[in-house]
Amino acid sequence: MVCYRICLWSVSVVLLLLSDFVHCRKKPCQDECCQYIERFPLKLSELRRAFKNIRDYYEAKDDLIETALLDENLLDGLQSPFGCHLMNQVLHFYLKDVIPPAVNLGHNDSVDINPAVDMIGGILHDFKHTLKRCRRFFSCNKKSFSLEDLKNQFGNMQEKGVYKAMGELGLFFNYIEEYLMAKRHH
């Protein structure tokens, strides 16, 4: 009888622990903004694949420039309460100041980089649009972030700035990944 009670008690404890484990699992996203984050690793794979096709082209032309455009300060800013606004600004910078000249550079060279650059631009544009549409989800505060230092460095590099910014896309993709993973709801 004692053995029966111990077994019954043990089974009850195991079932209780299992039910707690099931309740602690991550709940599926119901919100389209949350779902975007859950699906973004696929987009990130596409970004990295496209960048792999053009990385050597841009990195070969940016090796003369020692100064990094994207640094730890940017990553720290993305992890701050104002990260959403900063991410929006960096996306705007890439979509306005980097991608269009990169496409033009592709027309001047014999290497066909435009399909990859276009794909990267399209995914970044979609992400920027989602960031705007999902402002509440991403907790976008109204504080303005200035990218003047980055833009000044970029401008001082002249045409080489495009090569540098494009060469650092892999780092930017890592920053996007870290930013979005921090926004995942557990």
N, C-alpha and C. Protein backbone atom coordinates (compact mmCIF):
# COMPACT_ATOMS: atom_id res chain seq x y z
N MET A 1 0.82 -1.19 0.00
CA MET A 1 0.00 0.00 0.00
C MET A 1 0.87 1.26 0.00
N VAL A 2 1.92 1.26 0.81
CA VAL A 2 2.83 2.40 0.87
C VAL A 2 3.51 2.60 -0.48
N CYS A 3 3.92 1.51 -1.08
CA CYS A 3 4.56 1.58 -2.40
C CYS A 3 3.60 2.15 -3.44
N TYR A 4 2.35 1.74 -3.38
CA TYR A 4 1.33 2.25 -4.30
C TYR A 4 1.17 3.76 -4.15
N ARG A 5 1.11 4.26 -2.89
CA ARG A 5 0.97 5.69 -2.64
C ARG A 5 2.19 6.47 -3.12
N ILE A 6 3.37 5.92 -2.92
CA ILE A 6 4.59 6.59 -3.38
C ILE A 6 4.60 6.68 -4.90
N CYS A 7 4.22 5.61 -5.56
CA CYS A 7 4.16 5.61 -7.03
C CYS A 7 3.12 6.62 -7.53
N LEU A 8 1.95 6.61 -6.90
CA LEU A 8 0.91 7.55 -7.28
C LEU A 8 1.37 8.99 -7.05
N TRP A 9 2.01 9.23 -5.93
CA TRP A 9 2.52 10.57 -5.62
C TRP A 9 3.59 10.97 -6.64
N SER A 10 4.49 10.05 -7.00
CA SER A 10 5.55 10.32 -7.97
C SER A 10 4.97 10.66 -9.34
N VAL A 11 3.98 9.89 -9.75
CA VAL A 11 3.34 10.17 -11.05
C VAL A 11 2.66 11.53 -11.01
N SER A 12 2.02 11.88 -9.91
CA SER A 12 1.36 13.19 -9.76
C SER A 12 2.37 14.32 -9.86
N VAL A 13 3.52 14.16 -9.22
CA VAL A 13 4.57 15.19 -9.25
C VAL A 13 5.08 15.35 -10.68
N VAL A 14 5.34 14.25 -11.37
CA VAL A 14 5.82 14.31 -12.75
C VAL A 14 4.80 14.99 -13.64
N LEU A 15 3.52 14.65 -13.49
CA LEU A 15 2.48 15.30 -14.30
C LEU A 15 2.38 16.78 -13.99
N LEU A 16 2.53 17.15 -12.75
CA LEU A 16 2.50 18.56 -12.36
C LEU A 16 3.67 19.31 -12.98
N LEU A 17 4.86 18.73 -12.92
CA LEU A 17 6.04 19.36 -13.52
C LEU A 17 5.89 19.48 -15.03
N LEU A 18 5.37 18.45 -15.66
CA LEU A 18 5.16 18.50 -17.12
C LEU A 18 4.14 19.57 -17.49
N SER A 19 3.08 19.72 -16.71
CA SER A 19 2.08 20.75 -17.02
C SER A 19 2.67 22.14 -16.84
N ASP A 20 3.54 22.32 -15.84
CA ASP A 20 4.22 23.60 -15.67
C ASP A 20 5.14 23.88 -16.85
N PHE A 21 5.83 22.83 -17.32
CA PHE A 21 6.72 23.00 -18.46
C PHE A 21 5.95 23.42 -19.71
N VAL A 22 4.82 22.80 -19.94
CA VAL A 22 3.99 23.12 -21.11
C VAL A 22 3.50 24.56 -21.03
N HIS A 23 3.13 25.02 -19.84
CA HIS A 23 2.65 26.39 -19.70
C HIS A 23 3.76 27.41 -19.82
N CYS A 24 5.00 27.03 -19.59
CA CYS A 24 6.13 27.96 -19.67
C CYS A 24 6.63 28.11 -21.10
N ARG A 25 6.22 27.25 -22.00
CA ARG A 25 6.67 27.35 -23.38
C ARG A 25 6.19 28.65 -24.00
N LYS A 26 6.92 29.08 -24.98
CA LYS A 26 6.59 30.32 -25.66
C LYS A 26 5.25 30.20 -26.36
N LYS A 27 4.45 31.22 -26.17
CA LYS A 27 3.14 31.24 -26.83
C LYS A 27 3.33 31.70 -28.28
N PRO A 28 2.56 31.13 -29.20
CA PRO A 28 2.70 31.55 -30.60
C PRO A 28 2.22 32.99 -30.79
N CYS A 29 2.84 33.64 -31.74
CA CYS A 29 2.49 35.03 -32.04
C CYS A 29 1.10 35.11 -32.66
N GLN A 30 0.33 36.04 -32.19
CA GLN A 30 -0.96 36.31 -32.78
C GLN A 30 -0.92 37.62 -33.57
N ASP A 31 -0.02 38.49 -33.23
CA ASP A 31 0.12 39.82 -33.82
C ASP A 31 0.99 39.75 -35.09
N GLU A 32 0.63 40.46 -36.15
CA GLU A 32 1.40 40.40 -37.38
C GLU A 32 2.81 40.95 -37.21
N CYS A 33 3.00 41.87 -36.28
CA CYS A 33 4.34 42.42 -36.03
C CYS A 33 5.22 41.37 -35.37
N CYS A 34 4.66 40.66 -34.43
CA CYS A 34 5.38 39.56 -33.77
C CYS A 34 5.70 38.47 -34.79
N GLN A 35 4.75 38.16 -35.65
CA GLN A 35 4.96 37.15 -36.67
C GLN A 35 6.07 37.56 -37.63
N TYR A 36 6.18 38.87 -37.93
CA TYR A 36 7.25 39.36 -38.79
C TYR A 36 8.60 39.01 -38.18
N ILE A 37 8.74 39.24 -36.88
CA ILE A 37 10.00 38.93 -36.20
C ILE A 37 10.28 37.43 -36.26
N GLU A 38 9.26 36.64 -36.05
CA GLU A 38 9.43 35.18 -36.08
C GLU A 38 9.85 34.69 -37.46
N ARG A 39 9.40 35.35 -38.51
CA ARG A 39 9.74 34.97 -39.88
C ARG A 39 11.03 35.62 -40.37
N PHE A 40 11.53 36.62 -39.66
CA PHE A 40 12.68 37.38 -40.16
C PHE A 40 13.95 36.55 -40.35
N PRO A 41 14.20 35.50 -39.56
CA PRO A 41 15.41 34.72 -39.85
C PRO A 41 15.50 34.23 -41.29
N LEU A 42 14.36 33.96 -41.92
CA LEU A 42 14.38 33.58 -43.35
C LEU A 42 14.84 34.75 -44.21
N LYS A 43 14.33 35.94 -43.89
CA LYS A 43 14.76 37.14 -44.63
C LYS A 43 16.24 37.41 -44.40
N LEU A 44 16.69 37.19 -43.17
CA LEU A 44 18.09 37.39 -42.83
C LEU A 44 18.97 36.43 -43.64
N SER A 45 18.52 35.21 -43.82
CA SER A 45 19.26 34.25 -44.66
C SER A 45 19.34 34.75 -46.09
N GLU A 46 18.24 35.30 -46.61
CA GLU A 46 18.24 35.85 -47.96
C GLU A 46 19.20 37.03 -48.07
N LEU A 47 19.20 37.91 -47.04
CA LEU A 47 20.11 39.05 -47.04
C LEU A 47 21.56 38.59 -47.07
N ARG A 48 21.87 37.62 -46.23
CA ARG A 48 23.26 37.14 -46.14
C ARG A 48 23.68 36.42 -47.42
N ARG A 49 22.76 35.70 -48.04
CA ARG A 49 23.07 35.02 -49.30
C ARG A 49 23.34 36.05 -50.40
N ALA A 50 22.50 37.08 -50.47
CA ALA A 50 22.69 38.12 -51.48
C ALA A 50 24.00 38.86 -51.23
N PHE A 51 24.28 39.16 -49.96
CA PHE A 51 25.52 39.86 -49.63
C PHE A 51 26.74 39.02 -49.96
N LYS A 52 26.64 37.72 -49.74
CA LYS A 52 27.76 36.83 -50.05
C LYS A 52 28.15 36.94 -51.53
N ASN A 53 27.14 37.16 -52.39
CA ASN A 53 27.39 37.28 -53.83
C ASN A 53 28.11 38.56 -54.21
N ILE A 54 28.04 39.58 -53.37
CA ILE A 54 28.65 40.87 -53.72
C ILE A 54 29.72 41.31 -52.74
N ARG A 55 29.88 40.58 -51.64
CA ARG A 55 30.81 40.99 -50.58
C ARG A 55 32.22 41.22 -51.10
N ASP A 56 32.76 40.28 -51.85
CA ASP A 56 34.14 40.41 -52.33
C ASP A 56 34.32 41.66 -53.18
N TYR A 57 33.33 41.96 -54.01
CA TYR A 57 33.39 43.15 -54.87
C TYR A 57 33.55 44.41 -54.02
N TYR A 58 32.72 44.57 -53.01
CA TYR A 58 32.76 45.79 -52.19
C TYR A 58 33.93 45.80 -51.21
N GLU A 59 34.22 44.67 -50.62
CA GLU A 59 35.33 44.63 -49.66
C GLU A 59 36.67 44.87 -50.34
N ALA A 60 36.81 44.45 -51.59
CA ALA A 60 38.05 44.69 -52.33
C ALA A 60 38.26 46.18 -52.57
N LYS A 61 37.19 46.92 -52.68
CA LYS A 61 37.29 48.35 -52.96
C LYS A 61 37.25 49.21 -51.71
N ASP A 62 36.96 48.61 -50.55
CA ASP A 62 36.91 49.42 -49.33
C ASP A 62 38.11 49.17 -48.43
N ASP A 63 39.08 48.36 -48.88
CA ASP A 63 40.21 48.02 -48.02
C ASP A 63 41.16 49.19 -47.77
N LEU A 64 41.05 50.24 -48.54
CA LEU A 64 41.91 51.41 -48.33
C LEU A 64 41.40 52.29 -47.20
N ILE A 65 40.19 52.06 -46.76
CA ILE A 65 39.58 52.91 -45.73
C ILE A 65 39.58 52.15 -44.41
N GLU A 66 40.32 52.64 -43.45
CA GLU A 66 40.44 51.99 -42.14
C GLU A 66 39.25 52.29 -41.24
N THR A 67 38.60 53.43 -41.41
CA THR A 67 37.53 53.87 -40.53
C THR A 67 36.27 53.05 -40.77
N ALA A 68 35.69 52.56 -39.68
CA ALA A 68 34.43 51.82 -39.77
C ALA A 68 33.27 52.80 -39.68
N LEU A 69 32.25 52.57 -40.47
CA LEU A 69 31.03 53.38 -40.36
C LEU A 69 30.15 52.85 -39.24
N LEU A 70 30.00 51.55 -39.19
CA LEU A 70 29.15 50.92 -38.18
C LEU A 70 30.05 50.40 -37.06
N ASP A 71 29.75 50.81 -35.84
CA ASP A 71 30.59 50.41 -34.72
C ASP A 71 29.75 50.01 -33.51
N GLU A 72 30.42 49.74 -32.41
CA GLU A 72 29.73 49.30 -31.19
C GLU A 72 28.78 50.36 -30.65
N ASN A 73 29.07 51.64 -30.89
CA ASN A 73 28.16 52.70 -30.43
C ASN A 73 26.79 52.57 -31.08
N LEU A 74 26.80 52.20 -32.35
CA LEU A 74 25.53 51.99 -33.05
C LEU A 74 24.78 50.81 -32.44
N LEU A 75 25.49 49.73 -32.18
CA LEU A 75 24.84 48.56 -31.57
C LEU A 75 24.29 48.92 -30.19
N ASP A 76 25.06 49.67 -29.41
CA ASP A 76 24.58 50.11 -28.09
C ASP A 76 23.32 50.96 -28.22
N GLY A 77 23.30 51.84 -29.22
CA GLY A 77 22.12 52.68 -29.44
C GLY A 77 20.90 51.86 -29.83
N LEU A 78 21.14 50.80 -30.61
CA LEU A 78 20.02 49.93 -31.03
C LEU A 78 19.45 49.16 -29.85
N GLN A 79 20.26 48.94 -28.84
CA GLN A 79 19.80 48.21 -27.67
C GLN A 79 19.21 49.13 -26.59
N SER A 80 19.20 50.42 -26.86
CA SER A 80 18.65 51.39 -25.92
C SER A 80 17.13 51.49 -26.11
N PRO A 81 16.45 52.23 -25.22
CA PRO A 81 15.00 52.43 -25.40
C PRO A 81 14.65 53.17 -26.69
N PHE A 82 15.63 53.80 -27.31
CA PHE A 82 15.40 54.55 -28.54
C PHE A 82 15.90 53.79 -29.77
N GLY A 83 16.14 52.49 -29.61
CA GLY A 83 16.68 51.67 -30.68
C GLY A 83 15.82 51.63 -31.92
N CYS A 84 14.51 51.67 -31.75
CA CYS A 84 13.61 51.62 -32.90
C CYS A 84 13.83 52.83 -33.81
N HIS A 85 13.92 54.00 -33.19
CA HIS A 85 14.13 55.21 -33.99
C HIS A 85 15.50 55.17 -34.67
N LEU A 86 16.51 54.71 -33.95
CA LEU A 86 17.85 54.61 -34.54
C LEU A 86 17.85 53.61 -35.70
N MET A 87 17.20 52.47 -35.52
CA MET A 87 17.13 51.48 -36.60
C MET A 87 16.46 52.10 -37.82
N ASN A 88 15.40 52.85 -37.59
CA ASN A 88 14.70 53.53 -38.68
C ASN A 88 15.65 54.48 -39.42
N GLN A 89 16.46 55.23 -38.66
CA GLN A 89 17.40 56.17 -39.27
C GLN A 89 18.49 55.45 -40.08
N VAL A 90 19.01 54.35 -39.55
CA VAL A 90 20.05 53.61 -40.26
C VAL A 90 19.46 52.99 -41.53
N LEU A 91 18.25 52.46 -41.43
CA LEU A 91 17.60 51.92 -42.64
C LEU A 91 17.41 53.03 -43.67
N HIS A 92 16.96 54.20 -43.23
CA HIS A 92 16.79 55.33 -44.14
C HIS A 92 18.12 55.69 -44.80
N PHE A 93 19.19 55.72 -44.02
CA PHE A 93 20.53 56.02 -44.55
C PHE A 93 20.90 55.02 -45.64
N TYR A 94 20.73 53.74 -45.37
CA TYR A 94 21.09 52.73 -46.38
C TYR A 94 20.20 52.84 -47.61
N LEU A 95 18.91 53.05 -47.40
CA LEU A 95 17.98 53.08 -48.53
C LEU A 95 18.11 54.35 -49.37
N LYS A 96 18.52 55.45 -48.76
CA LYS A 96 18.62 56.72 -49.48
C LYS A 96 20.04 57.02 -49.96
N ASP A 97 21.02 56.80 -49.07
CA ASP A 97 22.38 57.25 -49.36
C ASP A 97 23.33 56.16 -49.86
N VAL A 98 23.01 54.90 -49.62
CA VAL A 98 23.96 53.83 -49.95
C VAL A 98 23.48 52.98 -51.12
N ILE A 99 22.28 52.44 -51.04
CA ILE A 99 21.81 51.49 -52.06
C ILE A 99 21.71 52.14 -53.45
N PRO A 100 21.08 53.32 -53.61
CA PRO A 100 21.00 53.89 -54.97
C PRO A 100 22.37 54.12 -55.63
N PRO A 101 23.36 54.71 -54.93
CA PRO A 101 24.67 54.83 -55.58
C PRO A 101 25.32 53.47 -55.84
N ALA A 102 25.06 52.49 -54.97
CA ALA A 102 25.63 51.16 -55.18
C ALA A 102 25.09 50.54 -56.47
N VAL A 103 23.81 50.77 -56.75
CA VAL A 103 23.22 50.29 -58.00
C VAL A 103 23.89 50.99 -59.18
N ASN A 104 24.11 52.30 -59.06
CA ASN A 104 24.77 53.04 -60.15
C ASN A 104 26.20 52.55 -60.37
N LEU A 105 26.91 52.23 -59.29
CA LEU A 105 28.27 51.70 -59.44
C LEU A 105 28.24 50.38 -60.18
N GLY A 106 27.19 49.59 -59.92
CA GLY A 106 27.06 48.31 -60.59
C GLY A 106 26.88 48.46 -62.09
N HIS A 107 26.27 49.56 -62.53
CA HIS A 107 26.10 49.79 -63.96
C HIS A 107 27.44 50.10 -64.63
N ASN A 108 28.37 50.68 -63.86
CA ASN A 108 29.65 51.09 -64.42
C ASN A 108 30.67 49.96 -64.51
N ASP A 109 30.46 48.89 -63.77
CA ASP A 109 31.43 47.80 -63.74
C ASP A 109 30.90 46.60 -64.51
N SER A 110 31.83 45.72 -64.84
CA SER A 110 31.43 44.52 -65.59
C SER A 110 30.80 43.46 -64.69
N VAL A 111 30.96 43.58 -63.38
CA VAL A 111 30.38 42.63 -62.44
C VAL A 111 28.89 42.96 -62.27
N ASP A 112 28.03 41.95 -62.37
CA ASP A 112 26.59 42.18 -62.24
C ASP A 112 26.18 42.03 -60.78
N ILE A 113 26.24 43.15 -60.06
CA ILE A 113 25.90 43.15 -58.64
C ILE A 113 24.47 43.60 -58.40
N ASN A 114 23.84 44.16 -59.41
CA ASN A 114 22.53 44.77 -59.21
C ASN A 114 21.43 43.84 -58.71
N PRO A 115 21.32 42.60 -59.17
CA PRO A 115 20.26 41.75 -58.61
C PRO A 115 20.39 41.58 -57.09
N ALA A 116 21.60 41.37 -56.61
CA ALA A 116 21.81 41.21 -55.17
C ALA A 116 21.55 42.51 -54.42
N VAL A 117 22.02 43.62 -54.98
CA VAL A 117 21.80 44.93 -54.33
C VAL A 117 20.31 45.25 -54.30
N ASP A 118 19.62 44.96 -55.40
CA ASP A 118 18.16 45.19 -55.44
C ASP A 118 17.43 44.34 -54.40
N MET A 119 17.85 43.08 -54.26
CA MET A 119 17.21 42.20 -53.27
C MET A 119 17.44 42.74 -51.86
N ILE A 120 18.65 43.14 -51.57
CA ILE A 120 18.98 43.69 -50.25
C ILE A 120 18.15 44.95 -50.01
N GLY A 121 18.10 45.83 -51.00
CA GLY A 121 17.31 47.06 -50.87
C GLY A 121 15.84 46.76 -50.64
N GLY A 122 15.29 45.78 -51.33
CA GLY A 122 13.89 45.42 -51.18
C GLY A 122 13.57 44.91 -49.78
N ILE A 123 14.44 44.04 -49.25
CA ILE A 123 14.21 43.50 -47.91
C ILE A 123 14.36 44.60 -46.86
N LEU A 124 15.37 45.46 -47.02
CA LEU A 124 15.54 46.56 -46.06
C LEU A 124 14.36 47.52 -46.13
N HIS A 125 13.85 47.77 -47.33
CA HIS A 125 12.68 48.65 -47.49
C HIS A 125 11.46 48.03 -46.79
N ASP A 126 11.26 46.73 -46.97
CA ASP A 126 10.16 46.04 -46.32
C ASP A 126 10.29 46.11 -44.79
N PHE A 127 11.50 45.95 -44.29
CA PHE A 127 11.73 46.03 -42.85
C PHE A 127 11.44 47.44 -42.34
N LYS A 128 11.86 48.46 -43.08
CA LYS A 128 11.60 49.85 -42.68
C LYS A 128 10.09 50.10 -42.65
N HIS A 129 9.38 49.60 -43.64
CA HIS A 129 7.93 49.76 -43.69
C HIS A 129 7.27 49.05 -42.49
N THR A 130 7.73 47.86 -42.16
CA THR A 130 7.20 47.13 -41.02
C THR A 130 7.50 47.85 -39.72
N LEU A 131 8.68 48.40 -39.60
CA LEU A 131 9.06 49.15 -38.40
C LEU A 131 8.12 50.33 -38.19
N LYS A 132 7.78 51.00 -39.28
CA LYS A 132 6.86 52.14 -39.20
C LYS A 132 5.45 51.68 -38.85
N ARG A 133 5.00 50.60 -39.49
CA ARG A 133 3.66 50.09 -39.26
C ARG A 133 3.52 49.51 -37.84
N CYS A 134 4.58 48.99 -37.31
CA CYS A 134 4.54 48.32 -36.00
C CYS A 134 5.21 49.16 -34.91
N ARG A 135 5.03 50.46 -34.98
CA ARG A 135 5.68 51.37 -34.02
C ARG A 135 5.39 50.99 -32.57
N ARG A 136 4.16 50.64 -32.28
CA ARG A 136 3.81 50.28 -30.90
C ARG A 136 4.51 48.99 -30.47
N PHE A 137 4.52 48.03 -31.35
CA PHE A 137 5.15 46.75 -31.03
C PHE A 137 6.64 46.94 -30.73
N PHE A 138 7.31 47.77 -31.53
CA PHE A 138 8.73 48.01 -31.35
C PHE A 138 9.04 49.10 -30.32
N SER A 139 8.00 49.64 -29.70
CA SER A 139 8.15 50.69 -28.68
C SER A 139 8.98 51.86 -29.20
N CYS A 140 8.59 52.38 -30.34
CA CYS A 140 9.32 53.51 -30.91
C CYS A 140 9.02 54.77 -30.12
N ASN A 141 10.03 55.26 -29.45
CA ASN A 141 9.90 56.52 -28.74
C ASN A 141 10.13 57.67 -29.72
N LYS A 142 9.66 58.80 -29.36
CA LYS A 142 9.71 59.95 -30.27
C LYS A 142 11.08 60.60 -30.34
N LYS A 143 11.99 60.27 -29.42
CA LYS A 143 13.29 60.94 -29.39
C LYS A 143 14.01 60.76 -30.71
N SER A 144 14.51 61.84 -31.21
CA SER A 144 15.23 61.83 -32.47
C SER A 144 16.68 61.41 -32.25
N PHE A 145 17.16 60.55 -33.08
CA PHE A 145 18.56 60.13 -33.04
C PHE A 145 19.24 60.77 -34.23
N SER A 146 20.43 61.23 -34.03
CA SER A 146 21.17 61.85 -35.12
C SER A 146 22.26 60.91 -35.61
N LEU A 147 22.33 60.75 -36.88
CA LEU A 147 23.39 59.97 -37.50
C LEU A 147 24.40 60.88 -38.18
N GLU A 148 24.50 62.11 -37.71
CA GLU A 148 25.37 63.08 -38.37
C GLU A 148 26.81 62.62 -38.45
N ASP A 149 27.34 62.03 -37.37
CA ASP A 149 28.73 61.55 -37.40
C ASP A 149 28.91 60.50 -38.49
N LEU A 150 28.00 59.54 -38.55
CA LEU A 150 28.07 58.49 -39.56
C LEU A 150 27.95 59.09 -40.96
N LYS A 151 27.00 60.00 -41.13
CA LYS A 151 26.80 60.62 -42.44
C LYS A 151 28.00 61.49 -42.84
N ASN A 152 28.61 62.17 -41.87
CA ASN A 152 29.80 62.98 -42.18
C ASN A 152 30.96 62.10 -42.60
N GLN A 153 31.18 61.00 -41.88
CA GLN A 153 32.24 60.07 -42.26
C GLN A 153 31.98 59.52 -43.65
N PHE A 154 30.75 59.15 -43.89
CA PHE A 154 30.35 58.62 -45.20
C PHE A 154 30.62 59.65 -46.29
N GLY A 155 30.22 60.90 -46.06
CA GLY A 155 30.44 61.96 -47.04
C GLY A 155 31.91 62.24 -47.28
N ASN A 156 32.72 62.21 -46.23
CA ASN A 156 34.15 62.46 -46.36
C ASN A 156 34.85 61.38 -47.18
N MET A 157 34.28 60.20 -47.20
CA MET A 157 34.87 59.10 -47.97
C MET A 157 34.55 59.22 -49.46
N GLN A 158 33.66 60.12 -49.81
CA GLN A 158 33.21 60.34 -51.17
C GLN A 158 32.71 59.02 -51.77
N GLU A 159 33.09 58.69 -53.01
CA GLU A 159 32.58 57.48 -53.65
C GLU A 159 32.98 56.23 -52.87
N LYS A 160 34.11 56.26 -52.21
CA LYS A 160 34.56 55.10 -51.43
C LYS A 160 33.63 54.82 -50.26
N GLY A 161 32.85 55.82 -49.84
CA GLY A 161 31.89 55.62 -48.75
C GLY A 161 30.85 54.57 -49.09
N VAL A 162 30.43 54.53 -50.34
CA VAL A 162 29.46 53.52 -50.77
C VAL A 162 30.09 52.13 -50.65
N TYR A 163 31.35 52.01 -51.09
CA TYR A 163 32.02 50.71 -50.96
C TYR A 163 32.14 50.31 -49.50
N LYS A 164 32.48 51.27 -48.64
CA LYS A 164 32.63 50.99 -47.22
C LYS A 164 31.29 50.56 -46.62
N ALA A 165 30.25 51.33 -46.87
CA ALA A 165 28.93 51.02 -46.31
C ALA A 165 28.42 49.68 -46.83
N MET A 166 28.60 49.40 -48.09
CA MET A 166 28.17 48.12 -48.65
C MET A 166 29.02 46.98 -48.09
N GLY A 167 30.31 47.24 -47.90
CA GLY A 167 31.20 46.23 -47.33
C GLY A 167 30.85 45.88 -45.89
N GLU A 168 30.18 46.80 -45.20
CA GLU A 168 29.80 46.58 -43.81
C GLU A 168 28.36 46.05 -43.67
N LEU A 169 27.73 45.71 -44.77
CA LEU A 169 26.36 45.19 -44.70
C LEU A 169 26.25 43.95 -43.81
N GLY A 170 27.22 43.08 -43.86
CA GLY A 170 27.19 41.88 -43.02
C GLY A 170 27.09 42.25 -41.55
N LEU A 171 27.84 43.26 -41.14
CA LEU A 171 27.78 43.74 -39.76
C LEU A 171 26.41 44.34 -39.47
N PHE A 172 25.88 45.10 -40.41
CA PHE A 172 24.55 45.68 -40.23
C PHE A 172 23.49 44.59 -40.09
N PHE A 173 23.61 43.53 -40.87
CA PHE A 173 22.66 42.42 -40.75
C PHE A 173 22.74 41.80 -39.35
N ASN A 174 23.96 41.69 -38.81
CA ASN A 174 24.11 41.18 -37.44
C ASN A 174 23.41 42.10 -36.45
N TYR A 175 23.53 43.41 -36.65
CA TYR A 175 22.88 44.37 -35.76
C TYR A 175 21.36 44.24 -35.85
N ILE A 176 20.85 44.08 -37.07
CA ILE A 176 19.41 43.89 -37.24
C ILE A 176 18.96 42.64 -36.51
N GLU A 177 19.74 41.57 -36.67
CA GLU A 177 19.38 40.31 -36.01
C GLU A 177 19.35 40.48 -34.49
N GLU A 178 20.37 41.11 -33.93
CA GLU A 178 20.39 41.32 -32.48
C GLU A 178 19.23 42.20 -32.04
N TYR A 179 18.92 43.23 -32.81
CA TYR A 179 17.82 44.12 -32.48
C TYR A 179 16.50 43.36 -32.46
N LEU A 180 16.24 42.59 -33.50
CA LEU A 180 14.97 41.86 -33.59
C LEU A 180 14.88 40.74 -32.55
N MET A 181 15.98 40.08 -32.27
CA MET A 181 15.93 39.01 -31.27
C MET A 181 15.64 39.59 -29.89
N ALA A 182 16.08 40.80 -29.64
CA ALA A 182 15.77 41.45 -28.36
C ALA A 182 14.30 41.82 -28.27
N LYS A 183 13.63 41.94 -29.42
CA LYS A 183 12.20 42.33 -29.44
C LYS A 183 11.28 41.12 -29.41
N ARG A 184 11.83 39.93 -29.50
CA ARG A 184 10.98 38.73 -29.47
C ARG A 184 10.30 38.63 -28.11
N HIS A 185 9.04 38.26 -28.14
CA HIS A 185 8.28 38.05 -26.92
C HIS A 185 8.37 36.59 -26.54
N HIS A 186 8.75 36.35 -25.30
CA HIS A 186 8.93 34.96 -24.85
C HIS A 186 7.68 34.47 -24.18
